[in-house]
Amino acid sequence: MSVPYHPTDRRPLAAREWRASRRAAEWLVRRRVSPNTISLVGMVCAVVAGACLATTNLVPGGTRPAWLIGAILILLRGAANMLDGMVAVASGRASPVGELFNEVPDRISDAAILIGLGYAAGGDVILGYGAALAAVFTAYVRAMVKVAGARQDYCGPMAKIHRMAIAVVVAVYCGVTPVSWQPAWGAARAGLCLILAGCIVTSVRRLGRAATRLGNPPPCTPPPTTGSSASTTPSTTPSPSG
């Protein structure tokens, strides 16, 4: 009989405890939707979101819908990224292969959204590619920390949820505000600068925390003894006479 696989070091998310999240996961489990399928759907949402953002620089007059559709798709990508793990655990279908489906599509999704933001109106292509590379490196550091023997570290200030939050804020702002309200240097460019700088800080912080943990491993606790040798071994010291 095989031992069920239990994923470790899951990203802490308060949204998993929301009633809506639990009901959505239960609904997907009842319909036997594969967690890997959910992961792939999230990746597709991210790729299409990146394409929508990029078109804001190519389609005059059609930018508002593209910005807002991109923001919605980024949120759907985030929901899928949460639900795939919830469904895997609830349905008992968690597996090492599922870990791959959780990580690889995530990296593609990050790159698609940030590169798309680089090509967007008010964006910067070099910053888009730079932010995508920094985001992938941040996740790479987290994964390598686990390989080295420490727990995965999801600390910020620019973890995945923070990167996507900035992308959504930029897209919604550009989609609902008049052009006159938008900065001349570009809201997308400002968001990418913030993401790039935050990813660098996050990578350095995770590396430092991992080095501290790996350099100071917790002390080994000796196994409990079944009895004290002092209590079981008779004393050979003569007792003083009274």
Protein backbone atom coordinates (compact mmCIF):
# COMPACT_ATOMS: atom_id res chain seq x y z
CA MET A 1 0.00 0.00 0.00
CA SER A 2 1.51 3.31 -1.12
CA VAL A 3 1.86 6.17 1.30
CA PRO A 4 -0.22 9.24 0.30
CA TYR A 5 1.87 12.18 -0.87
CA HIS A 6 1.59 15.28 1.29
CA PRO A 7 3.01 18.52 -0.14
CA THR A 8 5.20 20.48 2.25
CA ASP A 9 6.14 24.13 2.56
CA ARG A 10 2.93 25.43 0.99
CA ARG A 11 2.69 29.15 0.43
CA PRO A 12 0.75 30.73 3.33
CA LEU A 13 -2.45 32.25 1.93
CA ALA A 14 -5.24 33.67 4.06
CA ALA A 15 -7.57 33.42 1.05
CA ARG A 16 -7.58 29.63 1.40
CA GLU A 17 -9.74 30.06 4.49
CA TRP A 18 -12.34 32.19 2.77
CA ARG A 19 -15.73 30.50 2.48
CA ALA A 20 -15.87 31.26 -1.25
CA SER A 21 -12.48 29.63 -1.79
CA ARG A 22 -13.45 26.49 0.10
CA ARG A 23 -16.75 26.20 -1.76
CA ALA A 24 -15.04 26.65 -5.13
CA ALA A 25 -12.51 23.94 -4.26
CA GLU A 26 -15.29 21.59 -3.10
CA TRP A 27 -17.22 22.23 -6.32
CA LEU A 28 -14.16 21.36 -8.42
CA VAL A 29 -13.47 18.23 -6.36
CA ARG A 30 -17.04 16.99 -6.82
CA ARG A 31 -16.64 17.36 -10.57
CA ARG A 32 -13.30 15.54 -10.47
CA VAL A 33 -11.42 18.40 -12.11
CA SER A 34 -7.71 17.63 -12.20
CA PRO A 35 -5.45 19.96 -10.18
CA ASN A 36 -2.98 19.94 -13.07
CA THR A 37 -5.72 21.11 -15.42
CA ILE A 38 -6.43 24.03 -13.08
CA SER A 39 -2.72 24.92 -13.13
CA LEU A 40 -2.68 24.92 -16.94
CA VAL A 41 -5.86 27.02 -17.11
CA GLY A 42 -4.19 29.57 -14.84
CA MET A 43 -1.19 29.69 -17.16
CA VAL A 44 -3.44 30.25 -20.18
CA CYS A 45 -5.15 33.12 -18.34
CA ALA A 46 -1.75 34.68 -17.65
CA VAL A 47 -0.57 34.38 -21.27
CA VAL A 48 -3.78 35.94 -22.57
CA ALA A 49 -3.51 38.65 -19.90
CA GLY A 50 0.00 39.50 -21.09
CA ALA A 51 -1.27 39.69 -24.67
CA CYS A 52 -4.11 42.01 -23.61
CA LEU A 53 -1.68 44.31 -21.83
CA ALA A 54 0.62 44.39 -24.84
CA THR A 55 -2.22 45.36 -27.19
CA THR A 56 -2.84 48.57 -25.24
CA ASN A 57 0.14 50.00 -27.12
CA LEU A 58 -1.05 48.73 -30.48
CA VAL A 59 -4.80 49.37 -30.68
CA PRO A 60 -5.70 53.09 -30.48
CA GLY A 61 -9.02 53.67 -28.77
CA GLY A 62 -9.32 50.11 -27.53
CA THR A 63 -7.01 50.31 -24.58
CA ARG A 64 -9.53 50.51 -21.75
CA PRO A 65 -11.15 47.11 -22.37
CA ALA A 66 -7.74 45.52 -22.88
CA TRP A 67 -6.43 46.90 -19.58
CA LEU A 68 -9.50 45.70 -17.66
CA ILE A 69 -9.63 42.28 -19.32
CA GLY A 70 -5.94 41.88 -18.52
CA ALA A 71 -6.58 42.73 -14.87
CA ILE A 72 -9.44 40.22 -14.64
CA LEU A 73 -7.33 37.48 -16.21
CA ILE A 74 -4.48 38.15 -13.79
CA LEU A 75 -6.93 37.71 -10.91
CA LEU A 76 -8.21 34.48 -12.46
CA ARG A 77 -4.65 33.25 -12.76
CA GLY A 78 -4.17 33.92 -9.06
CA ALA A 79 -7.38 32.09 -8.20
CA ALA A 80 -6.34 29.08 -10.27
CA ASN A 81 -2.93 29.09 -8.64
CA MET A 82 -4.58 28.84 -5.23
CA LEU A 83 -7.30 26.36 -6.15
CA ASP A 84 -5.03 23.80 -7.80
CA GLY A 85 -3.33 23.08 -4.50
CA MET A 86 -6.58 23.12 -2.53
CA VAL A 87 -8.17 20.65 -4.94
CA ALA A 88 -5.09 18.41 -4.92
CA VAL A 89 -5.10 18.17 -1.13
CA ALA A 90 -8.88 17.84 -0.74
CA SER A 91 -9.16 15.14 -3.41
CA GLY A 92 -6.09 13.21 -2.28
CA ARG A 93 -4.46 13.67 -5.69
CA ALA A 94 -1.42 15.61 -4.54
CA SER A 95 1.74 14.21 -6.14
CA PRO A 96 5.33 15.15 -7.02
CA VAL A 97 4.18 15.63 -10.61
CA GLY A 98 1.67 18.15 -9.31
CA GLU A 99 4.56 20.10 -7.81
CA LEU A 100 5.97 20.48 -11.34
CA PHE A 101 2.59 21.60 -12.66
CA ASN A 102 2.45 24.12 -9.84
CA GLU A 103 5.91 25.61 -10.41
CA VAL A 104 6.59 25.54 -14.17
CA PRO A 105 3.34 27.19 -15.32
CA ASP A 106 3.87 29.77 -12.58
CA ARG A 107 7.17 30.86 -14.09
CA ILE A 108 5.63 31.09 -17.57
CA SER A 109 2.73 33.08 -16.14
CA ASP A 110 4.99 35.56 -14.37
CA ALA A 111 7.04 36.13 -17.51
CA ALA A 112 4.00 36.49 -19.78
CA ILE A 113 2.33 39.11 -17.58
CA LEU A 114 5.43 41.19 -16.88
CA ILE A 115 6.71 41.12 -20.46
CA GLY A 116 3.21 42.05 -21.63
CA LEU A 117 3.26 44.96 -19.20
CA GLY A 118 6.59 46.01 -20.69
CA TYR A 119 5.03 46.21 -24.16
CA ALA A 120 1.91 47.98 -22.82
CA ALA A 121 1.14 51.65 -23.23
CA GLY A 122 3.40 53.60 -20.90
CA GLY A 123 5.62 50.57 -20.37
CA ASP A 124 9.22 49.78 -21.17
CA VAL A 125 10.26 46.62 -23.00
CA ILE A 126 13.64 46.33 -21.28
CA LEU A 127 12.05 46.81 -17.87
CA GLY A 128 9.44 44.20 -18.75
CA TYR A 129 12.05 41.58 -19.57
CA GLY A 130 14.14 42.64 -16.59
CA ALA A 131 11.21 42.33 -14.19
CA ALA A 132 10.32 38.91 -15.65
CA LEU A 133 13.89 37.70 -15.20
CA ALA A 134 14.01 39.03 -11.64
CA ALA A 135 10.69 37.36 -10.80
CA VAL A 136 11.90 34.00 -12.11
CA PHE A 137 15.17 34.37 -10.19
CA THR A 138 13.26 35.14 -7.00
CA ALA A 139 11.34 31.88 -7.37
CA TYR A 140 14.56 30.07 -8.29
CA VAL A 141 16.16 31.17 -5.02
CA ARG A 142 13.15 29.87 -3.11
CA ALA A 143 13.38 26.49 -4.84
CA MET A 144 17.14 26.20 -4.36
CA VAL A 145 16.76 26.92 -0.66
CA LYS A 146 14.58 23.81 -0.44
CA VAL A 147 17.10 21.75 -2.42
CA ALA A 148 19.84 22.88 -0.04
CA GLY A 149 17.89 21.47 2.89
CA ALA A 150 16.01 24.44 4.35
CA ARG A 151 12.33 25.24 4.26
CA GLN A 152 11.09 27.32 1.34
CA ASP A 153 10.94 31.00 2.17
CA TYR A 154 8.01 32.98 0.77
CA CYS A 155 9.03 36.29 2.32
CA GLY A 156 8.71 39.57 0.45
CA PRO A 157 8.66 42.42 -0.13
CA MET A 158 8.03 41.23 -3.71
CA ALA A 159 6.71 37.67 -3.65
CA LYS A 160 4.36 36.46 -6.39
CA ILE A 161 1.22 37.84 -4.78
CA HIS A 162 2.82 41.28 -4.48
CA ARG A 163 3.99 41.27 -8.11
CA MET A 164 0.54 40.38 -9.38
CA ALA A 165 -1.13 42.92 -7.10
CA ILE A 166 0.98 45.70 -8.63
CA ALA A 167 0.18 44.50 -12.16
CA VAL A 168 -3.55 44.48 -11.37
CA VAL A 169 -3.43 47.95 -9.80
CA VAL A 170 -1.60 49.36 -12.83
CA ALA A 171 -4.04 47.72 -15.27
CA VAL A 172 -7.15 48.88 -13.41
CA TYR A 173 -5.78 52.40 -12.97
CA CYS A 174 -4.94 52.71 -16.67
CA GLY A 175 -8.28 51.17 -17.60
CA VAL A 176 -10.56 53.48 -15.61
CA THR A 177 -8.77 56.84 -15.34
CA PRO A 178 -8.62 59.55 -18.01
CA VAL A 179 -5.39 59.77 -19.96
CA SER A 180 -4.76 63.19 -18.41
CA TRP A 181 -4.55 61.54 -14.98
CA GLN A 182 -1.85 59.11 -16.01
CA PRO A 183 1.80 60.09 -15.50
CA ALA A 184 3.76 61.13 -18.55
CA TRP A 185 6.50 58.59 -17.77
CA GLY A 186 3.92 55.77 -17.72
CA ALA A 187 2.14 53.93 -14.94
CA ALA A 188 3.27 50.60 -16.40
CA ARG A 189 6.90 51.73 -16.34
CA ALA A 190 6.56 52.78 -12.70
CA GLY A 191 5.01 49.44 -11.77
CA LEU A 192 7.78 47.52 -13.52
CA CYS A 193 10.47 49.56 -11.76
CA LEU A 194 8.84 48.78 -8.42
CA ILE A 195 8.59 45.06 -9.23
CA LEU A 196 12.19 44.87 -10.47
CA ALA A 197 13.61 46.62 -7.40
CA GLY A 198 11.40 44.62 -5.06
CA CYS A 199 12.44 41.30 -6.63
CA ILE A 200 16.12 42.15 -6.19
CA VAL A 201 15.56 42.98 -2.52
CA THR A 202 13.48 39.83 -2.05
CA SER A 203 16.12 37.60 -3.63
CA VAL A 204 18.87 39.04 -1.45
CA ARG A 205 16.71 38.74 1.64
CA ARG A 206 15.81 35.12 0.94
CA LEU A 207 19.44 34.22 0.29
CA GLY A 208 20.51 35.84 3.56
CA ARG A 209 17.81 34.11 5.59
CA ALA A 210 18.62 30.76 3.98
CA ALA A 211 22.34 31.14 4.67
CA THR A 212 21.58 31.85 8.31
CA ARG A 213 19.34 28.80 8.63
CA LEU A 214 21.68 26.45 6.80
CA GLY A 215 24.70 27.72 8.71
CA ASN A 216 22.99 27.25 12.07
CA PRO A 217 21.03 23.98 11.86
CA PRO A 218 18.84 23.13 14.82
CA PRO A 219 20.55 20.89 17.38
CA CYS A 220 19.81 17.19 17.20
CA THR A 221 17.64 15.97 20.05
CA PRO A 222 18.88 12.64 21.46
CA PRO A 223 16.30 9.88 21.59
CA PRO A 224 14.60 9.47 24.95
CA THR A 225 16.08 6.79 27.21
CA THR A 226 13.93 4.07 28.68
CA GLY A 227 15.40 4.44 32.10
CA SER A 228 18.11 6.20 34.04
CA SER A 229 21.33 4.30 34.48
CA ALA A 230 21.75 5.98 37.85
CA SER A 231 18.48 4.55 39.08
CA THR A 232 19.01 1.01 37.73
CA THR A 233 22.66 0.55 38.65
CA PRO A 234 23.18 -0.23 42.31
CA SER A 235 25.48 2.16 44.07
CA THR A 236 28.84 0.81 45.16
CA THR A 237 29.53 3.73 47.45
CA PRO A 238 29.20 2.64 51.07
CA SER A 239 26.65 4.58 53.02
CA PRO A 240 27.91 6.44 56.00
CA SER A 241 27.26 4.84 59.37
CA GLY A 242 24.88 6.64 61.66
